[in-house]
Amino acid sequence: MQHVLEYFGLFGAAFLSATIFPFQSQAILFGMLMAEHYHVLLPVLVASVGNILGSCVNWLLGYFIAHPLSKEKIARAER
């Protein structure tokens, strides 16, 4: 497989952009698609998997951070 490092970079950018870090993976994906050195499906798939896994990390962070809080503390924070 050629361009393995580029795909890892795209995955990392997509992963970071789906977590709490502000990052623009769309620009990297757009650049890869415009370069025409890549098949269309593989960069889109790599970016999608990175975004999905980044979203899962966000969910896990939210779950484990909010889990030890009592319902009273959550209700007070929502007010």
PDB file of N, CA and C in Angstrom:
ATOM      1  N   MET A   1       0.853  -1.179   0.000  1.00  0.00           N
ATOM      2  CA  MET A   1       0.000   0.000   0.000  1.00  0.00           C
ATOM      3  C   MET A   1       0.898   1.241   0.000  1.00  0.00           C
ATOM      4  N   GLN A   2       0.674   2.077  -0.952  1.00  0.00           N
ATOM      5  CA  GLN A   2       1.445   3.313  -1.033  1.00  0.00           C
ATOM      6  C   GLN A   2       0.800   4.389  -0.168  1.00  0.00           C
ATOM      7  N   HIS A   3       1.590   5.393   0.158  1.00  0.00           N
ATOM      8  CA  HIS A   3       1.103   6.577   0.878  1.00  0.00           C
ATOM      9  C   HIS A   3       0.581   6.250   2.274  1.00  0.00           C
ATOM     10  N   VAL A   4       1.201   5.289   2.935  1.00  0.00           N
ATOM     11  CA  VAL A   4       0.735   4.877   4.262  1.00  0.00           C
ATOM     12  C   VAL A   4       0.842   6.031   5.256  1.00  0.00           C
ATOM     13  N   LEU A   5       1.932   6.776   5.226  1.00  0.00           N
ATOM     14  CA  LEU A   5       2.089   7.892   6.166  1.00  0.00           C
ATOM     15  C   LEU A   5       1.043   8.976   5.946  1.00  0.00           C
ATOM     16  N   GLU A   6       0.680   9.205   4.689  1.00  0.00           N
ATOM     17  CA  GLU A   6      -0.358  10.200   4.415  1.00  0.00           C
ATOM     18  C   GLU A   6      -1.701   9.759   4.988  1.00  0.00           C
ATOM     19  N   TYR A   7      -1.991   8.466   4.876  1.00  0.00           N
ATOM     20  CA  TYR A   7      -3.248   7.958   5.439  1.00  0.00           C
ATOM     21  C   TYR A   7      -3.240   8.022   6.968  1.00  0.00           C
ATOM     22  N   PHE A   8      -2.100   7.742   7.580  1.00  0.00           N
ATOM     23  CA  PHE A   8      -2.003   7.892   9.034  1.00  0.00           C
ATOM     24  C   PHE A   8      -2.194   9.354   9.441  1.00  0.00           C
ATOM     25  N   GLY A   9      -1.639  10.259   8.659  1.00  0.00           N
ATOM     26  CA  GLY A   9      -1.829  11.684   8.928  1.00  0.00           C
ATOM     27  C   GLY A   9      -3.283  12.095   8.802  1.00  0.00           C
ATOM     28  N   LEU A  10      -3.946  11.594   7.771  1.00  0.00           N
ATOM     29  CA  LEU A  10      -5.374  11.891   7.594  1.00  0.00           C
ATOM     30  C   LEU A  10      -6.187  11.309   8.739  1.00  0.00           C
ATOM     31  N   PHE A  11      -5.869  10.083   9.131  1.00  0.00           N
ATOM     32  CA  PHE A  11      -6.573   9.461  10.258  1.00  0.00           C
ATOM     33  C   PHE A  11      -6.378  10.270  11.534  1.00  0.00           C
ATOM     34  N   GLY A  12      -5.135  10.672  11.795  1.00  0.00           N
ATOM     35  CA  GLY A  12      -4.855  11.467  12.987  1.00  0.00           C
ATOM     36  C   GLY A  12      -5.572  12.806  12.971  1.00  0.00           C
ATOM     37  N   ALA A  13      -5.602  13.445  11.813  1.00  0.00           N
ATOM     38  CA  ALA A  13      -6.296  14.730  11.701  1.00  0.00           C
ATOM     39  C   ALA A  13      -7.790  14.556  11.921  1.00  0.00           C
ATOM     40  N   ALA A  14      -8.367  13.510  11.345  1.00  0.00           N
ATOM     41  CA  ALA A  14      -9.796  13.257  11.519  1.00  0.00           C
ATOM     42  C   ALA A  14     -10.110  12.894  12.964  1.00  0.00           C
ATOM     43  N   PHE A  15      -9.242  12.108  13.580  1.00  0.00           N
ATOM     44  CA  PHE A  15      -9.435  11.733  14.975  1.00  0.00           C
ATOM     45  C   PHE A  15      -9.392  12.960  15.875  1.00  0.00           C
ATOM     46  N   LEU A  16      -8.387  13.807  15.669  1.00  0.00           N
ATOM     47  CA  LEU A  16      -8.261  15.011  16.492  1.00  0.00           C
ATOM     48  C   LEU A  16      -9.419  15.978  16.278  1.00  0.00           C
ATOM     49  N   SER A  17      -9.877  16.086  15.047  1.00  0.00           N
ATOM     50  CA  SER A  17     -10.961  17.033  14.790  1.00  0.00           C
ATOM     51  C   SER A  17     -12.278  16.573  15.398  1.00  0.00           C
ATOM     52  N   ALA A  18     -12.404  15.284  15.676  1.00  0.00           N
ATOM     53  CA  ALA A  18     -13.632  14.776  16.295  1.00  0.00           C
ATOM     54  C   ALA A  18     -13.556  14.787  17.814  1.00  0.00           C
ATOM     55  N   THR A  19     -12.380  15.080  18.374  1.00  0.00           N
ATOM     56  CA  THR A  19     -12.249  15.145  19.828  1.00  0.00           C
ATOM     57  C   THR A  19     -12.321  16.607  20.264  1.00  0.00           C
ATOM     58  N   ILE A  20     -11.832  16.888  21.450  1.00  0.00           N
ATOM     59  CA  ILE A  20     -11.960  18.234  21.997  1.00  0.00           C
ATOM     60  C   ILE A  20     -10.960  19.211  21.384  1.00  0.00           C
ATOM     61  N   PHE A  21     -10.018  18.716  20.578  1.00  0.00           N
ATOM     62  CA  PHE A  21      -9.022  19.584  19.965  1.00  0.00           C
ATOM     63  C   PHE A  21      -9.569  20.170  18.667  1.00  0.00           C
ATOM     64  N   PRO A  22      -9.450  21.472  18.464  1.00  0.00           N
ATOM     65  CA  PRO A  22      -9.915  22.043  17.195  1.00  0.00           C
ATOM     66  C   PRO A  22      -8.915  21.723  16.080  1.00  0.00           C
ATOM     67  N   PHE A  23      -9.384  21.097  15.034  1.00  0.00           N
ATOM     68  CA  PHE A  23      -8.522  20.712  13.923  1.00  0.00           C
ATOM     69  C   PHE A  23      -9.374  20.609  12.674  1.00  0.00           C
ATOM     70  N   GLN A  24      -8.789  20.833  11.517  1.00  0.00           N
ATOM     71  CA  GLN A  24      -9.523  20.832  10.255  1.00  0.00           C
ATOM     72  C   GLN A  24      -9.102  19.653   9.392  1.00  0.00           C
ATOM     73  N   SER A  25      -9.727  18.527   9.578  1.00  0.00           N
ATOM     74  CA  SER A  25      -9.385  17.356   8.767  1.00  0.00           C
ATOM     75  C   SER A  25      -9.968  17.459   7.362  1.00  0.00           C
ATOM     76  N   GLN A  26     -11.004  18.270   7.188  1.00  0.00           N
ATOM     77  CA  GLN A  26     -11.619  18.407   5.870  1.00  0.00           C
ATOM     78  C   GLN A  26     -10.642  19.002   4.866  1.00  0.00           C
ATOM     79  N   ALA A  27      -9.795  19.909   5.310  1.00  0.00           N
ATOM     80  CA  ALA A  27      -8.817  20.513   4.409  1.00  0.00           C
ATOM     81  C   ALA A  27      -7.805  19.474   3.940  1.00  0.00           C
ATOM     82  N   ILE A  28      -7.400  18.599   4.825  1.00  0.00           N
ATOM     83  CA  ILE A  28      -6.452  17.542   4.456  1.00  0.00           C
ATOM     84  C   ILE A  28      -7.119  16.550   3.511  1.00  0.00           C
ATOM     85  N   LEU A  29      -8.340  16.167   3.815  1.00  0.00           N
ATOM     86  CA  LEU A  29      -9.072  15.250   2.939  1.00  0.00           C
ATOM     87  C   LEU A  29      -9.282  15.875   1.560  1.00  0.00           C
ATOM     88  N   PHE A  30      -9.658  17.134   1.528  1.00  0.00           N
ATOM     89  CA  PHE A  30      -9.861  17.829   0.258  1.00  0.00           C
ATOM     90  C   PHE A  30      -8.561  17.877  -0.544  1.00  0.00           C
ATOM     91  N   GLY A  31      -7.461  18.164   0.121  1.00  0.00           N
ATOM     92  CA  GLY A  31      -6.173  18.196  -0.562  1.00  0.00           C
ATOM     93  C   GLY A  31      -5.784  16.843  -1.125  1.00  0.00           C
ATOM     94  N   MET A  32      -6.060  15.786  -0.370  1.00  0.00           N
ATOM     95  CA  MET A  32      -5.746  14.445  -0.860  1.00  0.00           C
ATOM     96  C   MET A  32      -6.612  14.077  -2.057  1.00  0.00           C
ATOM     97  N   LEU A  33      -7.876  14.455  -2.018  1.00  0.00           N
ATOM     98  CA  LEU A  33      -8.752  14.141  -3.136  1.00  0.00           C
ATOM     99  C   LEU A  33      -8.418  14.965  -4.375  1.00  0.00           C
ATOM    100  N   MET A  34      -7.991  16.191  -4.186  1.00  0.00           N
ATOM    101  CA  MET A  34      -7.621  17.032  -5.321  1.00  0.00           C
ATOM    102  C   MET A  34      -6.281  16.633  -5.928  1.00  0.00           C
ATOM    103  N   ALA A  35      -5.424  15.974  -5.156  1.00  0.00           N
ATOM    104  CA  ALA A  35      -4.117  15.561  -5.662  1.00  0.00           C
ATOM    105  C   ALA A  35      -4.247  14.445  -6.701  1.00  0.00           C
ATOM    106  N   GLU A  36      -5.328  13.724  -6.688  1.00  0.00           N
ATOM    107  CA  GLU A  36      -5.623  12.639  -7.621  1.00  0.00           C
ATOM    108  C   GLU A  36      -4.580  11.529  -7.603  1.00  0.00           C
ATOM    109  N   HIS A  37      -3.833  11.401  -6.505  1.00  0.00           N
ATOM    110  CA  HIS A  37      -2.911  10.293  -6.338  1.00  0.00           C
ATOM    111  C   HIS A  37      -3.566   9.161  -5.551  1.00  0.00           C
ATOM    112  N   TYR A  38      -4.759   9.399  -5.072  1.00  0.00           N
ATOM    113  CA  TYR A  38      -5.434   8.467  -4.189  1.00  0.00           C
ATOM    114  C   TYR A  38      -6.770   8.058  -4.804  1.00  0.00           C
ATOM    115  N   HIS A  39      -7.193   6.860  -4.483  1.00  0.00           N
ATOM    116  CA  HIS A  39      -8.547   6.465  -4.849  1.00  0.00           C
ATOM    117  C   HIS A  39      -9.507   7.252  -3.964  1.00  0.00           C
ATOM    118  N   VAL A  40     -10.665   7.541  -4.445  1.00  0.00           N
ATOM    119  CA  VAL A  40     -11.606   8.381  -3.692  1.00  0.00           C
ATOM    120  C   VAL A  40     -12.099   7.665  -2.437  1.00  0.00           C
ATOM    121  N   LEU A  41     -12.360   6.391  -2.530  1.00  0.00           N
ATOM    122  CA  LEU A  41     -12.983   5.676  -1.419  1.00  0.00           C
ATOM    123  C   LEU A  41     -12.077   5.543  -0.201  1.00  0.00           C
ATOM    124  N   LEU A  42     -10.800   5.274  -0.399  1.00  0.00           N
ATOM    125  CA  LEU A  42      -9.917   5.004   0.735  1.00  0.00           C
ATOM    126  C   LEU A  42      -9.697   6.230   1.632  1.00  0.00           C
ATOM    127  N   PRO A  43      -9.404   7.420   1.096  1.00  0.00           N
ATOM    128  CA  PRO A  43      -9.278   8.572   2.004  1.00  0.00           C
ATOM    129  C   PRO A  43     -10.582   8.902   2.745  1.00  0.00           C
ATOM    130  N   VAL A  44     -11.693   8.753   2.063  1.00  0.00           N
ATOM    131  CA  VAL A  44     -12.984   9.020   2.721  1.00  0.00           C
ATOM    132  C   VAL A  44     -13.226   8.003   3.829  1.00  0.00           C
ATOM    133  N   LEU A  45     -12.884   6.751   3.573  1.00  0.00           N
ATOM    134  CA  LEU A  45     -13.048   5.706   4.586  1.00  0.00           C
ATOM    135  C   LEU A  45     -12.130   5.945   5.783  1.00  0.00           C
ATOM    136  N   VAL A  46     -10.879   6.294   5.522  1.00  0.00           N
ATOM    137  CA  VAL A  46      -9.921   6.552   6.602  1.00  0.00           C
ATOM    138  C   VAL A  46     -10.377   7.744   7.443  1.00  0.00           C
ATOM    139  N   ALA A  47     -10.829   8.825   6.792  1.00  0.00           N
ATOM    140  CA  ALA A  47     -11.307  10.001   7.524  1.00  0.00           C
ATOM    141  C   ALA A  47     -12.565   9.675   8.328  1.00  0.00           C
ATOM    142  N   SER A  48     -13.445   8.857   7.761  1.00  0.00           N
ATOM    143  CA  SER A  48     -14.675   8.489   8.469  1.00  0.00           C
ATOM    144  C   SER A  48     -14.381   7.657   9.710  1.00  0.00           C
ATOM    145  N   VAL A  49     -13.471   6.704   9.593  1.00  0.00           N
ATOM    146  CA  VAL A  49     -13.108   5.869  10.750  1.00  0.00           C
ATOM    147  C   VAL A  49     -12.449   6.730  11.827  1.00  0.00           C
ATOM    148  N   GLY A  50     -11.581   7.654  11.415  1.00  0.00           N
ATOM    149  CA  GLY A  50     -10.962   8.553  12.389  1.00  0.00           C
ATOM    150  C   GLY A  50     -11.981   9.412  13.113  1.00  0.00           C
ATOM    151  N   ASN A  51     -12.955   9.942  12.380  1.00  0.00           N
ATOM    152  CA  ASN A  51     -14.002  10.756  12.997  1.00  0.00           C
ATOM    153  C   ASN A  51     -14.867   9.934  13.939  1.00  0.00           C
ATOM    154  N   ILE A  52     -15.208   8.732  13.539  1.00  0.00           N
ATOM    155  CA  ILE A  52     -16.050   7.879  14.384  1.00  0.00           C
ATOM    156  C   ILE A  52     -15.320   7.512  15.677  1.00  0.00           C
ATOM    157  N   LEU A  53     -14.052   7.123  15.562  1.00  0.00           N
ATOM    158  CA  LEU A  53     -13.298   6.768  16.769  1.00  0.00           C
ATOM    159  C   LEU A  53     -13.065   7.982  17.665  1.00  0.00           C
ATOM    160  N   GLY A  54     -12.850   9.152  17.066  1.00  0.00           N
ATOM    161  CA  GLY A  54     -12.727  10.371  17.863  1.00  0.00           C
ATOM    162  C   GLY A  54     -14.013  10.692  18.610  1.00  0.00           C
ATOM    163  N   SER A  55     -15.145  10.462  17.963  1.00  0.00           N
ATOM    164  CA  SER A  55     -16.435  10.677  18.625  1.00  0.00           C
ATOM    165  C   SER A  55     -16.642   9.687  19.764  1.00  0.00           C
ATOM    166  N   CYS A  56     -16.188   8.465  19.575  1.00  0.00           N
ATOM    167  CA  CYS A  56     -16.288   7.463  20.650  1.00  0.00           C
ATOM    168  C   CYS A  56     -15.437   7.864  21.846  1.00  0.00           C
ATOM    169  N   VAL A  57     -14.259   8.415  21.586  1.00  0.00           N
ATOM    170  CA  VAL A  57     -13.405   8.888  22.682  1.00  0.00           C
ATOM    171  C   VAL A  57     -14.101  10.019  23.432  1.00  0.00           C
ATOM    172  N   ASN A  58     -14.728  10.938  22.703  1.00  0.00           N
ATOM    173  CA  ASN A  58     -15.477  12.015  23.365  1.00  0.00           C
ATOM    174  C   ASN A  58     -16.589  11.456  24.228  1.00  0.00           C
ATOM    175  N   TRP A  59     -17.309  10.477  23.719  1.00  0.00           N
ATOM    176  CA  TRP A  59     -18.400   9.888  24.495  1.00  0.00           C
ATOM    177  C   TRP A  59     -17.852   9.240  25.761  1.00  0.00           C
ATOM    178  N   LEU A  60     -16.755   8.492  25.618  1.00  0.00           N
ATOM    179  CA  LEU A  60     -16.159   7.837  26.790  1.00  0.00           C
ATOM    180  C   LEU A  60     -15.661   8.852  27.811  1.00  0.00           C
ATOM    181  N   LEU A  61     -15.042   9.925  27.335  1.00  0.00           N
ATOM    182  CA  LEU A  61     -14.595  10.971  28.265  1.00  0.00           C
ATOM    183  C   LEU A  61     -15.785  11.572  29.011  1.00  0.00           C
ATOM    184  N   GLY A  62     -16.829  11.878  28.288  1.00  0.00           N
ATOM    185  CA  GLY A  62     -18.020  12.433  28.929  1.00  0.00           C
ATOM    186  C   GLY A  62     -18.657  11.471  29.899  1.00  0.00           C
ATOM    187  N   TYR A  63     -18.692  10.204  29.541  1.00  0.00           N
ATOM    188  CA  TYR A  63     -19.305   9.205  30.415  1.00  0.00           C
ATOM    189  C   TYR A  63     -18.518   9.043  31.711  1.00  0.00           C
ATOM    190  N   PHE A  64     -17.209   8.915  31.592  1.00  0.00           N
ATOM    191  CA  PHE A  64     -16.408   8.674  32.792  1.00  0.00           C
ATOM    192  C   PHE A  64     -16.200   9.930  33.626  1.00  0.00           C
ATOM    193  N   ILE A  65     -16.297  11.086  33.020  1.00  0.00           N
ATOM    194  CA  ILE A  65     -16.196  12.321  33.802  1.00  0.00           C
ATOM    195  C   ILE A  65     -17.504  12.587  34.542  1.00  0.00           C
ATOM    196  N   ALA A  66     -18.628  12.354  33.883  1.00  0.00           N
ATOM    197  CA  ALA A  66     -19.924  12.634  34.499  1.00  0.00           C
ATOM    198  C   ALA A  66     -20.414  11.477  35.373  1.00  0.00           C
ATOM    199  N   HIS A  67     -19.877  10.304  35.198  1.00  0.00           N
ATOM    200  CA  HIS A  67     -20.371   9.129  35.925  1.00  0.00           C
ATOM    201  C   HIS A  67     -20.261   9.257  37.438  1.00  0.00           C
ATOM    202  N   PRO A  68     -19.150   9.734  37.996  1.00  0.00           N
ATOM    203  CA  PRO A  68     -19.074   9.786  39.457  1.00  0.00           C
ATOM    204  C   PRO A  68     -19.895  10.924  40.069  1.00  0.00           C
ATOM    205  N   LEU A  69     -20.477  11.786  39.266  1.00  0.00           N
ATOM    206  CA  LEU A  69     -21.267  12.889  39.813  1.00  0.00           C
ATOM    207  C   LEU A  69     -22.631  12.393  40.259  1.00  0.00           C
ATOM    208  N   SER A  70     -23.117  12.948  41.335  1.00  0.00           N
ATOM    209  CA  SER A  70     -24.450  12.584  41.811  1.00  0.00           C
ATOM    210  C   SER A  70     -25.504  13.334  40.997  1.00  0.00           C
ATOM    211  N   LYS A  71     -26.726  12.865  41.057  1.00  0.00           N
ATOM    212  CA  LYS A  71     -27.827  13.506  40.328  1.00  0.00           C
ATOM    213  C   LYS A  71     -28.066  14.921  40.839  1.00  0.00           C
ATOM    214  N   GLU A  72     -27.845  15.142  42.122  1.00  0.00           N
ATOM    215  CA  GLU A  72     -28.021  16.489  42.670  1.00  0.00           C
ATOM    216  C   GLU A  72     -27.001  17.462  42.084  1.00  0.00           C
ATOM    217  N   LYS A  73     -25.757  17.020  41.962  1.00  0.00           N
ATOM    218  CA  LYS A  73     -24.720  17.901  41.392  1.00  0.00           C
ATOM    219  C   LYS A  73     -24.981  18.184  39.918  1.00  0.00           C
ATOM    220  N   ILE A  74     -25.468  17.197  39.201  1.00  0.00           N
ATOM    221  CA  ILE A  74     -25.796  17.408  37.790  1.00  0.00           C
ATOM    222  C   ILE A  74     -26.962  18.380  37.663  1.00  0.00           C
ATOM    223  N   ALA A  75     -27.983  18.230  38.490  1.00  0.00           N
ATOM    224  CA  ALA A  75     -29.144  19.131  38.437  1.00  0.00           C
ATOM    225  C   ALA A  75     -28.730  20.554  38.799  1.00  0.00           C
ATOM    226  N   ARG A  76     -27.831  20.696  39.766  1.00  0.00           N
ATOM    227  CA  ARG A  76     -27.367  22.023  40.160  1.00  0.00           C
ATOM    228  C   ARG A  76     -26.539  22.659  39.021  1.00  0.00           C
ATOM    229  N   ALA A  77     -25.744  21.877  38.352  1.00  0.00           N
ATOM    230  CA  ALA A  77     -24.938  22.402  37.238  1.00  0.00           C
ATOM    231  C   ALA A  77     -25.819  22.779  36.055  1.00  0.00           C
ATOM    232  N   GLU A  78     -26.909  22.063  35.833  1.00  0.00           N
ATOM    233  CA  GLU A  78     -27.815  22.389  34.731  1.00  0.00           C
ATOM    234  C   GLU A  78     -28.595  23.662  34.988  1.00  0.00           C
ATOM    235  N   ARG A  79     -28.819  23.987  36.262  1.00  0.00           N
ATOM    236  CA  ARG A  79     -29.511  25.221  36.576  1.00  0.00           C
ATOM    237  C   ARG A  79     -28.568  26.365  36.354  1.00  0.00           C
TER     238      ARG A  79
END
